[in-house]
Amino acid sequence: MQNTSRFVTVSALLLSICWLVPIVLIGLSAFVPREAVSAWPKSFIPEAFSLDTMRFFLNYAGVWQAVMSSVFVAALTMLFAVILGAPAGYALARYDFTGQTAYRLLVVMTRAFPLAILALPLVTRFISVGLYDTHLGVALVHTALALPFSILVSSSLFMGIPRELEEAAWTLGCSRLQAFMKIVLPLALPGVAATMIFSFVISWNEVFAASVLTLNNRTLTAFLFASLEESPLHFRFAGGFFLILPSLLFIFVVRKYLFSMWGISNR
């Protein structure tokens, strides 16, 4: 048992280092003088800090428009993922129907389908219906990417909420909708928060669909990808840091809901 605990601790430590080292290097490179960005070897304690790199990035033409596009698309994705995923998860958790297992499998398999194969059909269809180069069109594709996670997490969450609580609310005069809104939904908020977090991260970091389906209304990831070849190195580091920061801040803000879902005290 002690050896297992040590193995888990060491594995968690190594995994954390693998994730943190690139983030730290990107963050440090975004706040050092331009000539220090290309220096090698990299130092974890830079000799000087500078805002020139971030100032150059933030003043670059088109960056703020791309940032606003990313925020708007991510917000729509969160909204659609919750509105569509939570009812589907509730149905899976509360009702038995023919093909339920196959439906769960199909939900997971949607993430295994290569998005690149759908690129040309999506472009032609979106052009025909007027969704090409729009925030709504990109948000719909991102919602399709986030829905499997939203549905399965919501289903697991609702299965963990006793059905007897709803039945007790029914006997006290609540309708099914009232019981859901007053009893089930407050208990499900941690899971809803987790769904929103990952829907936001999926939308914020997605680059392929945003690049293929937009020209003038690109998200930040698509904008950086389009300017990757012609942009200087310090611009890329600043852009990478700016992509990481919102996700970290968003997770930090809603962390108490995640801790509540996992039964961890947060003071």
C-alpha atoms as a PDB file:
ATOM      1  CA  MET A   1       0.000   0.000   0.000  1.00  0.00           C
ATOM      2  CA  GLN A   2       2.830   2.390   0.861  1.00  0.00           C
ATOM      3  CA  ASN A   3       4.627   1.618  -2.397  1.00  0.00           C
ATOM      4  CA  THR A   4       1.422   2.271  -4.330  1.00  0.00           C
ATOM      5  CA  SER A   5       0.997   5.619  -2.601  1.00  0.00           C
ATOM      6  CA  ARG A   6       4.568   6.592  -3.434  1.00  0.00           C
ATOM      7  CA  PHE A   7       4.079   5.554  -7.052  1.00  0.00           C
ATOM      8  CA  VAL A   8       0.927   7.682  -7.333  1.00  0.00           C
ATOM      9  CA  THR A   9       2.696  10.648  -5.727  1.00  0.00           C
ATOM     10  CA  VAL A  10       5.729  10.395  -8.005  1.00  0.00           C
ATOM     11  CA  SER A  11       3.539   9.944 -11.079  1.00  0.00           C
ATOM     12  CA  ALA A  12       1.449  12.984 -10.157  1.00  0.00           C
ATOM     13  CA  LEU A  13       4.617  15.007  -9.566  1.00  0.00           C
ATOM     14  CA  LEU A  14       6.129  14.028 -12.919  1.00  0.00           C
ATOM     15  CA  LEU A  15       2.875  14.755 -14.729  1.00  0.00           C
ATOM     16  CA  SER A  16       2.643  18.172 -13.059  1.00  0.00           C
ATOM     17  CA  ILE A  17       6.215  18.982 -14.071  1.00  0.00           C
ATOM     18  CA  CYS A  18       5.532  17.951 -17.685  1.00  0.00           C
ATOM     19  CA  TRP A  19       2.567  20.331 -17.769  1.00  0.00           C
ATOM     20  CA  LEU A  20       4.093  23.196 -15.818  1.00  0.00           C
ATOM     21  CA  VAL A  21       7.501  23.477 -17.478  1.00  0.00           C
ATOM     22  CA  PRO A  22       6.155  24.554 -20.917  1.00  0.00           C
ATOM     23  CA  ILE A  23       3.709  26.970 -19.280  1.00  0.00           C
ATOM     24  CA  VAL A  24       6.471  28.532 -17.164  1.00  0.00           C
ATOM     25  CA  LEU A  25       8.811  28.853 -20.144  1.00  0.00           C
ATOM     26  CA  ILE A  26       6.101  30.468 -22.274  1.00  0.00           C
ATOM     27  CA  GLY A  27       5.176  32.844 -19.442  1.00  0.00           C
ATOM     28  CA  LEU A  28       8.781  33.861 -18.832  1.00  0.00           C
ATOM     29  CA  SER A  29       9.447  34.359 -22.546  1.00  0.00           C
ATOM     30  CA  ALA A  30       6.433  36.654 -22.784  1.00  0.00           C
ATOM     31  CA  PHE A  31       7.869  39.025 -20.149  1.00  0.00           C
ATOM     32  CA  VAL A  32      11.534  39.307 -21.062  1.00  0.00           C
ATOM     33  CA  PRO A  33      13.276  41.622 -23.535  1.00  0.00           C
ATOM     34  CA  ARG A  34      12.995  40.602 -27.160  1.00  0.00           C
ATOM     35  CA  GLU A  35      16.641  39.640 -27.475  1.00  0.00           C
ATOM     36  CA  ALA A  36      16.321  37.279 -24.506  1.00  0.00           C
ATOM     37  CA  VAL A  37      13.483  35.317 -26.118  1.00  0.00           C
ATOM     38  CA  SER A  38      15.794  33.531 -28.554  1.00  0.00           C
ATOM     39  CA  ALA A  39      18.558  33.033 -25.990  1.00  0.00           C
ATOM     40  CA  TRP A  40      19.617  29.481 -25.133  1.00  0.00           C
ATOM     41  CA  PRO A  41      19.670  27.821 -22.687  1.00  0.00           C
ATOM     42  CA  LYS A  42      16.492  29.166 -21.094  1.00  0.00           C
ATOM     43  CA  SER A  43      16.697  30.343 -17.514  1.00  0.00           C
ATOM     44  CA  PHE A  44      13.906  29.878 -14.995  1.00  0.00           C
ATOM     45  CA  ILE A  45      15.119  33.051 -13.291  1.00  0.00           C
ATOM     46  CA  PRO A  46      15.426  35.698 -16.038  1.00  0.00           C
ATOM     47  CA  GLU A  47      17.858  38.527 -15.511  1.00  0.00           C
ATOM     48  CA  ALA A  48      15.395  41.220 -16.568  1.00  0.00           C
ATOM     49  CA  PHE A  49      11.670  41.574 -17.075  1.00  0.00           C
ATOM     50  CA  SER A  50      10.102  43.653 -19.806  1.00  0.00           C
ATOM     51  CA  LEU A  51       6.589  44.409 -21.051  1.00  0.00           C
ATOM     52  CA  ASP A  52       7.795  45.162 -24.568  1.00  0.00           C
ATOM     53  CA  THR A  53       6.884  41.709 -25.872  1.00  0.00           C
ATOM     54  CA  MET A  54       3.346  41.758 -24.486  1.00  0.00           C
ATOM     55  CA  ARG A  55       2.901  45.402 -25.515  1.00  0.00           C
ATOM     56  CA  PHE A  56       3.936  44.546 -29.062  1.00  0.00           C
ATOM     57  CA  PHE A  57       1.490  41.632 -29.110  1.00  0.00           C
ATOM     58  CA  LEU A  58      -1.452  43.601 -27.702  1.00  0.00           C
ATOM     59  CA  ASN A  59      -0.864  46.463 -30.142  1.00  0.00           C
ATOM     60  CA  TYR A  60      -0.630  44.142 -33.139  1.00  0.00           C
ATOM     61  CA  ALA A  61      -3.403  44.828 -35.660  1.00  0.00           C
ATOM     62  CA  GLY A  62      -6.301  42.417 -35.359  1.00  0.00           C
ATOM     63  CA  VAL A  63      -5.393  40.864 -32.000  1.00  0.00           C
ATOM     64  CA  TRP A  64      -8.179  42.431 -29.947  1.00  0.00           C
ATOM     65  CA  GLN A  65     -10.789  41.631 -32.568  1.00  0.00           C
ATOM     66  CA  ALA A  66      -9.628  38.014 -32.488  1.00  0.00           C
ATOM     67  CA  VAL A  67      -9.727  37.993 -28.675  1.00  0.00           C
ATOM     68  CA  MET A  68     -13.313  39.270 -28.633  1.00  0.00           C
ATOM     69  CA  SER A  69     -14.261  36.671 -31.242  1.00  0.00           C
ATOM     70  CA  SER A  70     -12.747  33.901 -29.105  1.00  0.00           C
ATOM     71  CA  VAL A  71     -14.576  35.082 -25.988  1.00  0.00           C
ATOM     72  CA  PHE A  72     -17.906  35.341 -27.802  1.00  0.00           C
ATOM     73  CA  VAL A  73     -17.562  31.937 -29.466  1.00  0.00           C
ATOM     74  CA  ALA A  74     -16.503  30.298 -26.186  1.00  0.00           C
ATOM     75  CA  ALA A  75     -19.469  31.858 -24.364  1.00  0.00           C
ATOM     76  CA  LEU A  76     -21.873  30.548 -27.011  1.00  0.00           C
ATOM     77  CA  THR A  77     -20.246  27.119 -26.826  1.00  0.00           C
ATOM     78  CA  MET A  78     -20.661  26.995 -23.042  1.00  0.00           C
ATOM     79  CA  LEU A  79     -24.311  28.020 -23.343  1.00  0.00           C
ATOM     80  CA  PHE A  80     -25.139  25.500 -26.061  1.00  0.00           C
ATOM     81  CA  ALA A  81     -23.206  22.679 -24.383  1.00  0.00           C
ATOM     82  CA  VAL A  82     -25.141  23.106 -21.139  1.00  0.00           C
ATOM     83  CA  ILE A  83     -28.540  23.654 -22.758  1.00  0.00           C
ATOM     84  CA  LEU A  84     -28.180  20.605 -25.001  1.00  0.00           C
ATOM     85  CA  GLY A  85     -25.979  18.365 -22.880  1.00  0.00           C
ATOM     86  CA  ALA A  86     -27.690  18.616 -19.494  1.00  0.00           C
ATOM     87  CA  PRO A  87     -31.147  17.433 -20.691  1.00  0.00           C
ATOM     88  CA  ALA A  88     -29.552  14.591 -22.647  1.00  0.00           C
ATOM     89  CA  GLY A  89     -27.550  13.577 -19.577  1.00  0.00           C
ATOM     90  CA  TYR A  90     -30.652  13.780 -17.404  1.00  0.00           C
ATOM     91  CA  ALA A  91     -32.572  11.536 -19.811  1.00  0.00           C
ATOM     92  CA  LEU A  92     -29.768   8.978 -19.775  1.00  0.00           C
ATOM     93  CA  ALA A  93     -29.662   8.997 -15.985  1.00  0.00           C
ATOM     94  CA  ARG A  94     -33.393   8.884 -15.240  1.00  0.00           C
ATOM     95  CA  TYR A  95     -35.018   6.931 -18.073  1.00  0.00           C
ATOM     96  CA  ASP A  96     -34.465   3.472 -19.519  1.00  0.00           C
ATOM     97  CA  PHE A  97     -35.051   3.165 -23.242  1.00  0.00           C
ATOM     98  CA  THR A  98     -34.143   0.822 -26.056  1.00  0.00           C
ATOM     99  CA  GLY A  99     -30.680   1.483 -27.425  1.00  0.00           C
ATOM    100  CA  GLN A 100     -29.451   3.388 -24.368  1.00  0.00           C
ATOM    101  CA  THR A 101     -26.063   1.658 -24.341  1.00  0.00           C
ATOM    102  CA  ALA A 102     -25.652   2.123 -28.080  1.00  0.00           C
ATOM    103  CA  TYR A 103     -26.493   5.803 -27.690  1.00  0.00           C
ATOM    104  CA  ARG A 104     -23.777   6.227 -25.056  1.00  0.00           C
ATOM    105  CA  LEU A 105     -21.291   4.528 -27.383  1.00  0.00           C
ATOM    106  CA  LEU A 106     -22.292   6.734 -30.312  1.00  0.00           C
ATOM    107  CA  VAL A 107     -21.835   9.836 -28.162  1.00  0.00           C
ATOM    108  CA  VAL A 108     -18.260   8.806 -27.391  1.00  0.00           C
ATOM    109  CA  MET A 109     -17.545   7.803 -30.999  1.00  0.00           C
ATOM    110  CA  THR A 110     -18.328  11.303 -32.261  1.00  0.00           C
ATOM    111  CA  ARG A 111     -14.993  12.442 -30.793  1.00  0.00           C
ATOM    112  CA  ALA A 112     -13.174   9.707 -32.699  1.00  0.00           C
ATOM    113  CA  PHE A 113     -14.457  10.974 -36.065  1.00  0.00           C
ATOM    114  CA  PRO A 114     -11.762  13.111 -37.768  1.00  0.00           C
ATOM    115  CA  LEU A 115     -12.882  16.705 -38.088  1.00  0.00           C
ATOM    116  CA  ALA A 116     -10.700  17.185 -41.168  1.00  0.00           C
ATOM    117  CA  ILE A 117     -12.949  14.839 -43.166  1.00  0.00           C
ATOM    118  CA  LEU A 118     -15.900  17.143 -42.464  1.00  0.00           C
ATOM    119  CA  ALA A 119     -14.051  20.322 -43.463  1.00  0.00           C
ATOM    120  CA  LEU A 120     -15.226  20.549 -47.075  1.00  0.00           C
ATOM    121  CA  PRO A 121     -18.864  19.514 -46.400  1.00  0.00           C
ATOM    122  CA  LEU A 122     -19.038  21.968 -43.498  1.00  0.00           C
ATOM    123  CA  VAL A 123     -17.674  24.842 -45.571  1.00  0.00           C
ATOM    124  CA  THR A 124     -20.073  24.245 -48.451  1.00  0.00           C
ATOM    125  CA  ARG A 125     -23.061  23.814 -46.140  1.00  0.00           C
ATOM    126  CA  PHE A 126     -22.218  26.837 -44.028  1.00  0.00           C
ATOM    127  CA  ILE A 127     -21.819  28.979 -47.147  1.00  0.00           C
ATOM    128  CA  SER A 128     -25.216  27.855 -48.430  1.00  0.00           C
ATOM    129  CA  VAL A 129     -27.025  28.650 -45.154  1.00  0.00           C
ATOM    130  CA  GLY A 130     -25.116  31.854 -44.399  1.00  0.00           C
ATOM    131  CA  LEU A 131     -23.135  30.616 -41.400  1.00  0.00           C
ATOM    132  CA  TYR A 132     -19.692  30.777 -42.998  1.00  0.00           C
ATOM    133  CA  ASP A 133     -17.328  33.292 -41.364  1.00  0.00           C
ATOM    134  CA  THR A 134     -19.702  33.856 -38.453  1.00  0.00           C
ATOM    135  CA  HIS A 135     -19.269  33.401 -34.725  1.00  0.00           C
ATOM    136  CA  LEU A 136     -22.410  31.277 -34.563  1.00  0.00           C
ATOM    137  CA  GLY A 137     -21.093  28.832 -37.160  1.00  0.00           C
ATOM    138  CA  VAL A 138     -17.826  28.291 -35.285  1.00  0.00           C
ATOM    139  CA  ALA A 139     -19.697  27.990 -31.971  1.00  0.00           C
ATOM    140  CA  LEU A 140     -21.951  25.261 -33.410  1.00  0.00           C
ATOM    141  CA  VAL A 141     -18.928  23.193 -34.459  1.00  0.00           C
ATOM    142  CA  HIS A 142     -17.267  23.727 -31.084  1.00  0.00           C
ATOM    143  CA  THR A 143     -20.511  22.702 -29.386  1.00  0.00           C
ATOM    144  CA  ALA A 144     -20.473  19.448 -31.359  1.00  0.00           C
ATOM    145  CA  LEU A 145     -16.948  18.841 -30.035  1.00  0.00           C
ATOM    146  CA  ALA A 146     -17.938  19.628 -26.444  1.00  0.00           C
ATOM    147  CA  LEU A 147     -21.290  17.812 -26.362  1.00  0.00           C
ATOM    148  CA  PRO A 148     -19.959  14.264 -25.742  1.00  0.00           C
ATOM    149  CA  PHE A 149     -18.180  15.440 -22.607  1.00  0.00           C
ATOM    150  CA  SER A 150     -21.196  17.515 -21.539  1.00  0.00           C
ATOM    151  CA  ILE A 151     -23.634  14.644 -21.977  1.00  0.00           C
ATOM    152  CA  LEU A 152     -21.563  11.988 -20.225  1.00  0.00           C
ATOM    153  CA  VAL A 153     -20.554  14.208 -17.294  1.00  0.00           C
ATOM    154  CA  SER A 154     -24.141  15.375 -16.823  1.00  0.00           C
ATOM    155  CA  SER A 155     -25.384  11.786 -16.980  1.00  0.00           C
ATOM    156  CA  SER A 156     -22.899  10.623 -14.324  1.00  0.00           C
ATOM    157  CA  LEU A 157     -23.771  13.605 -12.171  1.00  0.00           C
ATOM    158  CA  PHE A 158     -27.543  13.050 -12.294  1.00  0.00           C
ATOM    159  CA  MET A 159     -27.074   9.348 -11.582  1.00  0.00           C
ATOM    160  CA  GLY A 160     -25.367  10.355  -8.345  1.00  0.00           C
ATOM    161  CA  ILE A 161     -28.360  12.431  -7.215  1.00  0.00           C
ATOM    162  CA  PRO A 162     -30.945  10.155  -5.501  1.00  0.00           C
ATOM    163  CA  ARG A 163     -34.196   9.827  -7.390  1.00  0.00           C
ATOM    164  CA  GLU A 164     -36.000   9.803  -4.028  1.00  0.00           C
ATOM    165  CA  LEU A 165     -35.348  13.520  -3.632  1.00  0.00           C
ATOM    166  CA  GLU A 166     -37.349  14.243  -6.768  1.00  0.00           C
ATOM    167  CA  GLU A 167     -40.089  11.840  -5.762  1.00  0.00           C
ATOM    168  CA  ALA A 168     -40.363  13.550  -2.382  1.00  0.00           C
ATOM    169  CA  ALA A 169     -40.708  16.914  -4.131  1.00  0.00           C
ATOM    170  CA  TRP A 170     -43.475  15.483  -6.337  1.00  0.00           C
ATOM    171  CA  THR A 171     -45.437  14.317  -3.305  1.00  0.00           C
ATOM    172  CA  LEU A 172     -45.164  17.826  -1.837  1.00  0.00           C
ATOM    173  CA  GLY A 173     -46.805  19.397  -4.880  1.00  0.00           C
ATOM    174  CA  CYS A 174     -43.890  20.163  -7.202  1.00  0.00           C
ATOM    175  CA  SER A 175     -44.114  19.420 -10.882  1.00  0.00           C
ATOM    176  CA  ARG A 176     -41.301  17.584 -12.641  1.00  0.00           C
ATOM    177  CA  LEU A 177     -39.853  20.873 -13.839  1.00  0.00           C
ATOM    178  CA  GLN A 178     -40.114  22.478 -10.398  1.00  0.00           C
ATOM    179  CA  ALA A 179     -38.492  19.472  -8.760  1.00  0.00           C
ATOM    180  CA  PHE A 180     -35.668  19.634 -11.260  1.00  0.00           C
ATOM    181  CA  MET A 181     -35.130  23.372 -10.853  1.00  0.00           C
ATOM    182  CA  LYS A 182     -35.408  23.461  -7.040  1.00  0.00           C
ATOM    183  CA  ILE A 183     -33.897  20.119  -6.032  1.00  0.00           C
ATOM    184  CA  VAL A 184     -31.768  18.559  -8.771  1.00  0.00           C
ATOM    185  CA  LEU A 185     -30.222  21.611 -10.413  1.00  0.00           C
ATOM    186  CA  PRO A 186     -28.707  23.128  -7.218  1.00  0.00           C
ATOM    187  CA  LEU A 187     -27.089  19.773  -6.461  1.00  0.00           C
ATOM    188  CA  ALA A 188     -25.861  19.530 -10.044  1.00  0.00           C
ATOM    189  CA  LEU A 189     -24.200  22.955 -10.183  1.00  0.00           C
ATOM    190  CA  PRO A 190     -20.657  21.601  -9.578  1.00  0.00           C
ATOM    191  CA  GLY A 191     -21.022  19.286 -12.551  1.00  0.00           C
ATOM    192  CA  VAL A 192     -22.535  22.051 -14.652  1.00  0.00           C
ATOM    193  CA  ALA A 193     -19.554  24.233 -13.740  1.00  0.00           C
ATOM    194  CA  ALA A 194     -17.161  21.471 -14.819  1.00  0.00           C
ATOM    195  CA  THR A 195     -19.026  21.129 -18.106  1.00  0.00           C
ATOM    196  CA  MET A 196     -18.804  24.872 -18.681  1.00  0.00           C
ATOM    197  CA  ILE A 197     -15.082  24.895 -17.905  1.00  0.00           C
ATOM    198  CA  PHE A 198     -14.174  22.190 -20.373  1.00  0.00           C
ATOM    199  CA  SER A 199     -16.534  23.548 -23.027  1.00  0.00           C
ATOM    200  CA  PHE A 200     -14.791  26.901 -22.682  1.00  0.00           C
ATOM    201  CA  VAL A 201     -11.331  25.331 -22.893  1.00  0.00           C
ATOM    202  CA  ILE A 202     -12.275  23.215 -25.914  1.00  0.00           C
ATOM    203  CA  SER A 203     -13.628  26.255 -27.752  1.00  0.00           C
ATOM    204  CA  TRP A 204     -10.806  28.581 -26.713  1.00  0.00           C
ATOM    205  CA  ASN A 205      -8.047  26.205 -27.838  1.00  0.00           C
ATOM    206  CA  GLU A 206      -9.657  24.778 -30.981  1.00  0.00           C
ATOM    207  CA  VAL A 207      -7.883  25.915 -34.141  1.00  0.00           C
ATOM    208  CA  PHE A 208      -8.835  23.712 -37.097  1.00  0.00           C
ATOM    209  CA  ALA A 209     -12.539  24.501 -37.432  1.00  0.00           C
ATOM    210  CA  ALA A 210     -11.969  28.149 -36.557  1.00  0.00           C
ATOM    211  CA  SER A 211      -9.339  28.411 -39.307  1.00  0.00           C
ATOM    212  CA  VAL A 212     -11.374  26.620 -41.977  1.00  0.00           C
ATOM    213  CA  LEU A 213     -14.734  28.280 -41.290  1.00  0.00           C
ATOM    214  CA  THR A 214     -13.617  31.887 -40.905  1.00  0.00           C
ATOM    215  CA  LEU A 215     -11.799  34.572 -42.856  1.00  0.00           C
ATOM    216  CA  ASN A 216     -12.514  37.939 -41.264  1.00  0.00           C
ATOM    217  CA  ASN A 217     -13.961  36.829 -37.907  1.00  0.00           C
ATOM    218  CA  ARG A 218     -11.135  34.560 -36.804  1.00  0.00           C
ATOM    219  CA  THR A 219     -10.738  33.479 -33.220  1.00  0.00           C
ATOM    220  CA  LEU A 220      -7.411  34.124 -31.506  1.00  0.00           C
ATOM    221  CA  THR A 221      -6.108  30.606 -32.155  1.00  0.00           C
ATOM    222  CA  ALA A 222      -6.985  30.842 -35.851  1.00  0.00           C
ATOM    223  CA  PHE A 223      -5.518  34.343 -36.043  1.00  0.00           C
ATOM    224  CA  LEU A 224      -2.224  33.227 -34.492  1.00  0.00           C
ATOM    225  CA  PHE A 225      -2.108  30.139 -36.695  1.00  0.00           C
ATOM    226  CA  ALA A 226      -2.649  32.238 -39.830  1.00  0.00           C
ATOM    227  CA  SER A 227       0.166  34.624 -38.874  1.00  0.00           C
ATOM    228  CA  LEU A 228       2.534  31.933 -37.573  1.00  0.00           C
ATOM    229  CA  GLU A 229       4.969  31.915 -40.498  1.00  0.00           C
ATOM    230  CA  GLU A 230       5.391  35.690 -40.724  1.00  0.00           C
ATOM    231  CA  SER A 231       5.321  36.531 -37.003  1.00  0.00           C
ATOM    232  CA  PRO A 232       8.532  36.959 -34.938  1.00  0.00           C
ATOM    233  CA  LEU A 233       9.401  34.542 -32.157  1.00  0.00           C
ATOM    234  CA  HIS A 234       8.550  36.891 -29.283  1.00  0.00           C
ATOM    235  CA  PHE A 235       5.080  37.444 -30.816  1.00  0.00           C
ATOM    236  CA  ARG A 236       4.457  33.691 -30.756  1.00  0.00           C
ATOM    237  CA  PHE A 237       5.441  33.381 -27.099  1.00  0.00           C
ATOM    238  CA  ALA A 238       3.232  36.316 -26.153  1.00  0.00           C
ATOM    239  CA  GLY A 239       0.352  34.798 -28.096  1.00  0.00           C
ATOM    240  CA  GLY A 240       0.855  31.431 -26.437  1.00  0.00           C
ATOM    241  CA  PHE A 241       0.798  33.009 -22.996  1.00  0.00           C
ATOM    242  CA  PHE A 242      -2.332  34.971 -23.862  1.00  0.00           C
ATOM    243  CA  LEU A 243      -4.024  31.733 -24.945  1.00  0.00           C
ATOM    244  CA  ILE A 244      -3.143  29.957 -21.698  1.00  0.00           C
ATOM    245  CA  LEU A 245      -4.075  32.769 -19.310  1.00  0.00           C
ATOM    246  CA  PRO A 246      -7.903  32.886 -19.752  1.00  0.00           C
ATOM    247  CA  SER A 247      -8.258  29.140 -19.251  1.00  0.00           C
ATOM    248  CA  LEU A 248      -6.223  29.258 -16.038  1.00  0.00           C
ATOM    249  CA  LEU A 249      -8.181  32.237 -14.728  1.00  0.00           C
ATOM    250  CA  PHE A 250     -11.510  30.634 -15.600  1.00  0.00           C
ATOM    251  CA  ILE A 251     -10.604  27.423 -13.796  1.00  0.00           C
ATOM    252  CA  PHE A 252      -9.368  29.411 -10.782  1.00  0.00           C
ATOM    253  CA  VAL A 253     -12.658  31.312 -10.535  1.00  0.00           C
ATOM    254  CA  VAL A 254     -14.861  28.200 -10.590  1.00  0.00           C
ATOM    255  CA  ARG A 255     -12.526  25.905  -8.693  1.00  0.00           C
ATOM    256  CA  LYS A 256     -14.820  25.786  -5.647  1.00  0.00           C
ATOM    257  CA  TYR A 257     -17.508  24.132  -7.761  1.00  0.00           C
ATOM    258  CA  LEU A 258     -15.028  21.512  -8.924  1.00  0.00           C
ATOM    259  CA  PHE A 259     -13.892  20.871  -5.356  1.00  0.00           C
ATOM    260  CA  SER A 260     -17.518  20.502  -4.271  1.00  0.00           C
ATOM    261  CA  MET A 261     -18.142  17.973  -7.038  1.00  0.00           C
ATOM    262  CA  TRP A 262     -15.149  15.918  -5.918  1.00  0.00           C
ATOM    263  CA  GLY A 263     -15.996  16.263  -2.220  1.00  0.00           C
ATOM    264  CA  ILE A 264     -12.982  18.404  -1.374  1.00  0.00           C
ATOM    265  CA  SER A 265     -13.241  21.187   1.184  1.00  0.00           C
ATOM    266  CA  ASN A 266     -12.322  24.617  -0.184  1.00  0.00           C
ATOM    267  CA  ARG A 267     -11.802  27.458   2.292  1.00  0.00           C
END
